[in-house]
Amino acid sequence: MPCFMPANVWSELGYEVTYLPVDEYGQISLSDLENAIRSDTILISVMYGNNEIGTLQPVEAIGRLAREKGICFHVDAVQALGHVPIDLGRLPVDLMSFSAHKVGGPKGIGALYIAKNIRVTPLLYGGSQERKRRPGTENTAGIAGFAEAVQHFALHTYELGQNLEKLRSEMVSGLQEKLGVDGFVINGHPEERLPHILNVSFPGISTETMLMNLDLAGVAAASGSACTSGSLEVSHVLKAMRLPDEITASAVRFSFGRTNDVQQIRNAVEIIETIVRRLRNKI
């Protein structure tokens, strides 16, 4: 009966948690996963698409392995929803979590897909109106808003995906033109990735310095995910990829949405070029 909480809390409760390494693109190895499975392994949990570098994990292959071994499989699809085709009638997944705000829905509402054969132990106990899985009255407005947002995305998935790819490509080609192919480094998988996230390193310029200058120029960017905003530590995601220090210490995350357009990207590229050249000339 899976009960979901941070992995470090599981450790504090006496369970043994295994963290798998990733390659230089941020993907796990299926062979590493298979070798890590023990006779008493009860759960495999993976993030479908990483929120800092956009890399996708081989969810279907992991799910098949989990089914073969009789292990419950959970997927965090918060970042992937609306950007990756998800067919829960086909994917070998037992649980999958989502959040409304990633698809333009209201904040504070999410969803957890639970396969029919899975029983979940609640963290908080409540009444029968929520099948005793949690207490409190349902957030009806949030649920309705989430449903509306998902329906909108479902109708415009292809169009949105094409536009996001266009914006991402525009920034990459613009940076190549302005800074040269050696003037920056793209982090993450080149093909198996989300369309709306671009993680770029500008060697020689610290992340903090770059972000301060971008902010003053009106360009929104981040050092990692929103979960780590305010932290000046090097991204744990990039650390796990074992990238050179000059790459991890200069990484900036850009993300694109349906309200962005090509002209905004071009303006951002010009601002980035100005900042990079000014800062590098000072070194």
Protein backbone atom coordinates (compact mmCIF):
# COMPACT_ATOMS: atom_id res chain seq x y z
CA MET A 1 0.00 0.00 0.00
CA PRO A 2 2.11 2.91 -1.24
CA CYS A 3 2.14 6.10 0.79
CA PHE A 4 3.90 9.01 -0.89
CA MET A 5 6.33 11.29 0.89
CA PRO A 6 9.85 12.61 0.21
CA ALA A 7 12.42 9.86 -0.14
CA ASN A 8 14.51 11.19 2.74
CA VAL A 9 11.47 10.79 5.04
CA TRP A 10 11.22 7.14 4.00
CA SER A 11 14.85 6.78 5.09
CA GLU A 12 14.10 8.36 8.46
CA LEU A 13 11.31 5.83 8.95
CA GLY A 14 13.76 2.98 8.49
CA TYR A 15 13.26 2.11 4.83
CA GLU A 16 16.25 1.71 2.54
CA VAL A 17 16.13 4.12 -0.40
CA THR A 18 18.33 3.67 -3.46
CA TYR A 19 19.13 6.70 -5.61
CA LEU A 20 20.18 5.86 -9.15
CA PRO A 21 22.90 7.81 -10.97
CA VAL A 22 22.23 9.55 -14.27
CA ASP A 23 24.38 10.06 -17.35
CA GLU A 24 25.66 13.38 -18.68
CA TYR A 25 22.23 14.04 -20.20
CA GLY A 26 20.33 13.37 -16.99
CA GLN A 27 18.88 9.97 -17.92
CA ILE A 28 19.00 6.85 -15.80
CA SER A 29 20.30 3.54 -17.12
CA LEU A 30 17.84 0.66 -17.33
CA SER A 31 20.63 -1.75 -16.46
CA ASP A 32 21.44 0.30 -13.34
CA LEU A 33 17.78 0.16 -12.39
CA GLU A 34 17.54 -3.58 -12.90
CA ASN A 35 20.70 -4.16 -10.89
CA ALA A 36 19.35 -1.99 -8.06
CA ILE A 37 16.12 -3.98 -7.73
CA ARG A 38 16.08 -6.32 -4.74
CA SER A 39 13.70 -9.02 -3.61
CA ASP A 40 12.18 -6.57 -1.12
CA THR A 41 11.90 -3.57 -3.46
CA ILE A 42 8.35 -2.19 -3.20
CA LEU A 43 8.37 1.00 -5.25
CA ILE A 44 10.08 2.67 -8.21
CA SER A 45 9.53 6.41 -8.58
CA VAL A 46 10.80 8.59 -11.41
CA MET A 47 10.25 12.07 -12.82
CA TYR A 48 8.92 11.87 -16.39
CA GLY A 49 10.45 15.15 -17.55
CA ASN A 50 12.99 17.02 -15.46
CA ASN A 51 11.97 20.54 -14.49
CA GLU A 52 15.49 21.99 -14.75
CA ILE A 53 16.96 20.49 -17.92
CA GLY A 54 13.87 19.02 -19.61
CA THR A 55 15.31 15.52 -20.05
CA LEU A 56 12.73 12.74 -20.39
CA GLN A 57 13.11 9.36 -18.71
CA PRO A 58 12.27 6.10 -20.54
CA VAL A 59 9.03 5.70 -18.61
CA GLU A 60 7.53 2.93 -20.74
CA ALA A 61 10.66 0.77 -20.53
CA ILE A 62 10.91 1.36 -16.77
CA GLY A 63 7.25 0.44 -16.40
CA ARG A 64 7.70 -2.82 -18.28
CA LEU A 65 10.58 -3.74 -16.01
CA ALA A 66 8.54 -2.86 -12.94
CA ARG A 67 5.67 -5.05 -14.16
CA GLU A 68 8.03 -7.96 -14.78
CA LYS A 69 9.33 -7.67 -11.23
CA GLY A 70 5.93 -7.05 -9.65
CA ILE A 71 6.94 -3.64 -8.30
CA CYS A 72 4.67 -0.61 -7.95
CA PHE A 73 5.68 2.17 -10.35
CA HIS A 74 5.04 5.88 -9.71
CA VAL A 75 5.72 8.67 -12.21
CA ASP A 76 5.89 12.38 -11.43
CA ALA A 77 4.39 13.81 -14.62
CA VAL A 78 3.88 17.36 -13.35
CA GLN A 79 6.24 18.90 -15.89
CA ALA A 80 5.30 16.52 -18.71
CA LEU A 81 1.53 17.03 -18.65
CA GLY A 82 0.42 18.79 -21.81
CA HIS A 83 3.82 18.35 -23.47
CA VAL A 84 4.17 14.57 -23.75
CA PRO A 85 1.45 12.17 -24.95
CA ILE A 86 0.21 10.29 -21.89
CA ASP A 87 -2.05 7.28 -22.39
CA LEU A 88 -2.63 5.68 -19.01
CA GLY A 89 -4.58 2.90 -20.67
CA ARG A 90 -1.37 1.83 -22.40
CA LEU A 91 1.52 2.94 -20.22
CA PRO A 92 2.61 0.37 -17.60
CA VAL A 93 2.25 2.87 -14.76
CA ASP A 94 0.53 2.30 -11.40
CA LEU A 95 0.49 5.86 -10.13
CA MET A 96 1.05 9.18 -11.86
CA SER A 97 0.93 12.65 -10.31
CA PHE A 98 -0.02 15.94 -11.97
CA SER A 99 -0.42 19.62 -11.08
CA ALA A 100 -2.89 22.08 -12.59
CA HIS A 101 -0.70 25.19 -12.65
CA LYS A 102 1.66 23.63 -15.20
CA VAL A 103 -1.11 23.64 -17.80
CA GLY A 104 -2.55 27.04 -17.00
CA GLY A 105 -4.97 25.81 -14.35
CA PRO A 106 -5.39 27.18 -10.81
CA LYS A 107 -2.61 26.83 -8.26
CA GLY A 108 -3.07 24.53 -5.31
CA ILE A 109 -4.81 21.66 -7.09
CA GLY A 110 -3.31 18.43 -8.37
CA ALA A 111 -4.28 14.92 -9.33
CA LEU A 112 -3.02 11.43 -8.66
CA TYR A 113 -3.85 8.59 -11.04
CA ILE A 114 -4.22 5.34 -9.13
CA ALA A 115 -4.52 2.04 -10.98
CA LYS A 116 -7.44 -0.14 -9.92
CA ASN A 117 -5.22 -2.78 -8.34
CA ILE A 118 -3.34 -0.28 -6.15
CA ARG A 119 -4.33 0.55 -2.58
CA VAL A 120 -2.97 3.79 -1.12
CA THR A 121 -2.36 4.47 2.55
CA PRO A 122 -3.33 8.09 3.30
CA LEU A 123 -0.99 10.50 5.05
CA LEU A 124 -4.01 12.17 6.69
CA TYR A 125 -7.23 10.34 7.44
CA GLY A 126 -10.63 11.73 6.54
CA GLY A 127 -14.20 11.02 5.63
CA SER A 128 -15.81 8.76 3.09
CA GLN A 129 -16.51 11.61 0.65
CA GLU A 130 -12.93 11.26 -0.55
CA ARG A 131 -12.82 7.47 -0.21
CA LYS A 132 -10.99 7.93 3.10
CA ARG A 133 -7.83 8.92 1.22
CA ARG A 134 -7.67 12.44 2.66
CA PRO A 135 -9.71 14.72 4.92
CA GLY A 136 -11.53 17.93 4.08
CA THR A 137 -13.98 19.16 1.52
CA GLU A 138 -13.00 18.91 -2.14
CA ASN A 139 -11.76 22.06 -3.82
CA THR A 140 -14.54 22.02 -6.40
CA ALA A 141 -13.51 25.25 -8.11
CA GLY A 142 -9.92 24.07 -8.38
CA ILE A 143 -10.97 20.69 -9.73
CA ALA A 144 -13.19 22.32 -12.36
CA GLY A 145 -10.41 24.72 -13.34
CA PHE A 146 -7.94 21.86 -13.64
CA ALA A 147 -10.33 19.92 -15.87
CA GLU A 148 -10.90 22.95 -18.09
CA ALA A 149 -7.17 23.58 -18.44
CA VAL A 150 -6.49 19.96 -19.39
CA GLN A 151 -9.27 20.01 -21.97
CA HIS A 152 -7.83 23.19 -23.50
CA PHE A 153 -4.36 21.66 -23.69
CA ALA A 154 -5.77 18.46 -25.19
CA LEU A 155 -7.34 20.47 -28.01
CA HIS A 156 -4.18 22.47 -28.72
CA THR A 157 -1.39 20.05 -27.82
CA TYR A 158 0.14 19.82 -31.30
CA GLU A 159 -0.10 23.55 -31.98
CA LEU A 160 1.38 24.42 -28.58
CA GLY A 161 4.18 21.89 -28.93
CA GLN A 162 5.16 23.21 -32.35
CA ASN A 163 5.19 26.78 -31.06
CA LEU A 164 7.30 25.93 -28.02
CA GLU A 165 9.80 24.05 -30.19
CA LYS A 166 9.95 27.09 -32.47
CA LEU A 167 10.67 29.40 -29.53
CA ARG A 168 13.34 27.09 -28.12
CA SER A 169 14.98 26.71 -31.54
CA GLU A 170 14.85 30.48 -32.01
CA MET A 171 16.78 31.03 -28.79
CA VAL A 172 19.35 28.33 -29.57
CA SER A 173 19.97 29.55 -33.13
CA GLY A 174 20.06 33.15 -31.91
CA LEU A 175 22.66 32.37 -29.27
CA GLN A 176 24.72 30.45 -31.82
CA GLU A 177 24.64 33.44 -34.15
CA LYS A 178 25.44 36.00 -31.45
CA LEU A 179 27.88 34.08 -29.25
CA GLY A 180 29.10 31.31 -31.53
CA VAL A 181 28.67 27.59 -30.94
CA ASP A 182 31.48 27.66 -28.38
CA GLY A 183 30.02 30.60 -26.48
CA PHE A 184 27.53 28.55 -24.49
CA VAL A 185 26.63 24.97 -23.61
CA ILE A 186 23.17 23.36 -23.66
CA ASN A 187 22.53 21.00 -20.76
CA GLY A 188 20.21 18.01 -21.02
CA HIS A 189 19.30 15.44 -23.64
CA PRO A 190 19.40 16.81 -27.21
CA GLU A 191 16.38 14.80 -28.39
CA GLU A 192 14.53 13.09 -25.54
CA ARG A 193 13.41 16.27 -23.82
CA LEU A 194 10.52 18.59 -23.11
CA PRO A 195 9.95 21.37 -25.66
CA HIS A 196 9.58 24.26 -23.24
CA ILE A 197 12.75 24.10 -21.14
CA LEU A 198 16.23 25.23 -22.14
CA ASN A 199 19.10 24.99 -19.68
CA VAL A 200 22.19 26.88 -20.85
CA SER A 201 25.62 27.43 -19.32
CA PHE A 202 27.75 30.47 -20.07
CA PRO A 203 31.25 29.34 -18.98
CA GLY A 204 33.19 32.04 -17.15
CA ILE A 205 30.09 33.82 -15.86
CA SER A 206 28.57 32.71 -12.57
CA THR A 207 24.89 31.84 -12.49
CA GLU A 208 24.20 34.46 -9.82
CA THR A 209 25.86 37.24 -11.81
CA MET A 210 24.05 36.26 -14.99
CA LEU A 211 20.67 36.12 -13.26
CA MET A 212 21.16 39.51 -11.62
CA ASN A 213 21.95 41.11 -14.96
CA LEU A 214 19.08 39.38 -16.73
CA ASP A 215 16.67 40.50 -14.02
CA LEU A 216 17.79 44.11 -14.31
CA ALA A 217 17.26 43.88 -18.08
CA GLY A 218 13.76 42.45 -17.69
CA VAL A 219 14.48 38.86 -18.73
CA ALA A 220 12.97 36.17 -16.50
CA ALA A 221 15.23 33.17 -15.92
CA ALA A 222 16.25 30.94 -13.04
CA SER A 223 19.14 28.91 -11.69
CA GLY A 224 16.99 25.80 -11.47
CA SER A 225 13.43 24.90 -10.58
CA ALA A 226 10.99 27.11 -8.68
CA CYS A 227 11.39 24.67 -5.79
CA THR A 228 14.98 25.86 -5.32
CA SER A 229 14.48 29.57 -6.06
CA GLY A 230 16.37 31.71 -3.60
CA SER A 231 19.11 29.12 -3.20
CA LEU A 232 22.59 30.02 -4.37
CA GLU A 233 23.79 26.42 -4.35
CA VAL A 234 24.72 24.70 -7.59
CA SER A 235 21.79 22.70 -8.98
CA HIS A 236 21.67 19.16 -7.58
CA VAL A 237 20.44 18.05 -11.01
CA LEU A 238 23.57 19.29 -12.75
CA LYS A 239 25.74 17.90 -9.98
CA ALA A 240 24.18 14.48 -10.50
CA MET A 241 25.08 14.68 -14.19
CA ARG A 242 28.75 15.08 -13.17
CA LEU A 243 29.31 18.02 -15.47
CA PRO A 244 32.46 20.17 -15.22
CA ASP A 245 32.42 22.86 -12.54
CA GLU A 246 32.55 25.63 -15.14
CA ILE A 247 29.30 24.28 -16.59
CA THR A 248 27.40 23.70 -13.35
CA ALA A 249 28.47 27.07 -11.92
CA SER A 250 27.22 29.05 -14.92
CA ALA A 251 23.91 27.36 -15.74
CA VAL A 252 20.71 29.32 -16.36
CA ARG A 253 17.25 27.87 -17.00
CA PHE A 254 14.91 29.48 -19.53
CA SER A 255 11.35 28.26 -20.00
CA PHE A 256 8.74 29.12 -22.60
CA GLY A 257 4.96 29.27 -22.50
CA ARG A 258 1.99 29.90 -24.73
CA THR A 259 2.07 33.65 -24.02
CA ASN A 260 5.60 34.03 -25.42
CA ASP A 261 6.35 34.96 -29.03
CA VAL A 262 9.35 34.95 -31.35
CA GLN A 263 10.05 38.66 -30.97
CA GLN A 264 10.37 38.28 -27.19
CA ILE A 265 12.91 35.51 -27.73
CA ARG A 266 14.90 37.63 -30.16
CA ASN A 267 14.91 40.52 -27.72
CA ALA A 268 16.07 38.20 -24.94
CA VAL A 269 18.90 36.85 -27.11
CA GLU A 270 20.15 40.37 -27.82
CA ILE A 271 20.10 41.17 -24.11
CA ILE A 272 21.93 37.93 -23.30
CA GLU A 273 24.59 38.71 -25.91
CA THR A 274 25.14 42.19 -24.47
CA ILE A 275 25.46 40.87 -20.92
CA VAL A 276 27.75 37.97 -21.84
CA ARG A 277 30.12 40.10 -23.91
CA ARG A 278 30.27 42.81 -21.25
CA LEU A 279 30.99 40.39 -18.44
CA ARG A 280 33.52 38.34 -20.38
CA ASN A 281 35.41 41.45 -21.43
CA LYS A 282 35.86 42.27 -17.73
CA ILE A 283 37.53 38.96 -17.02
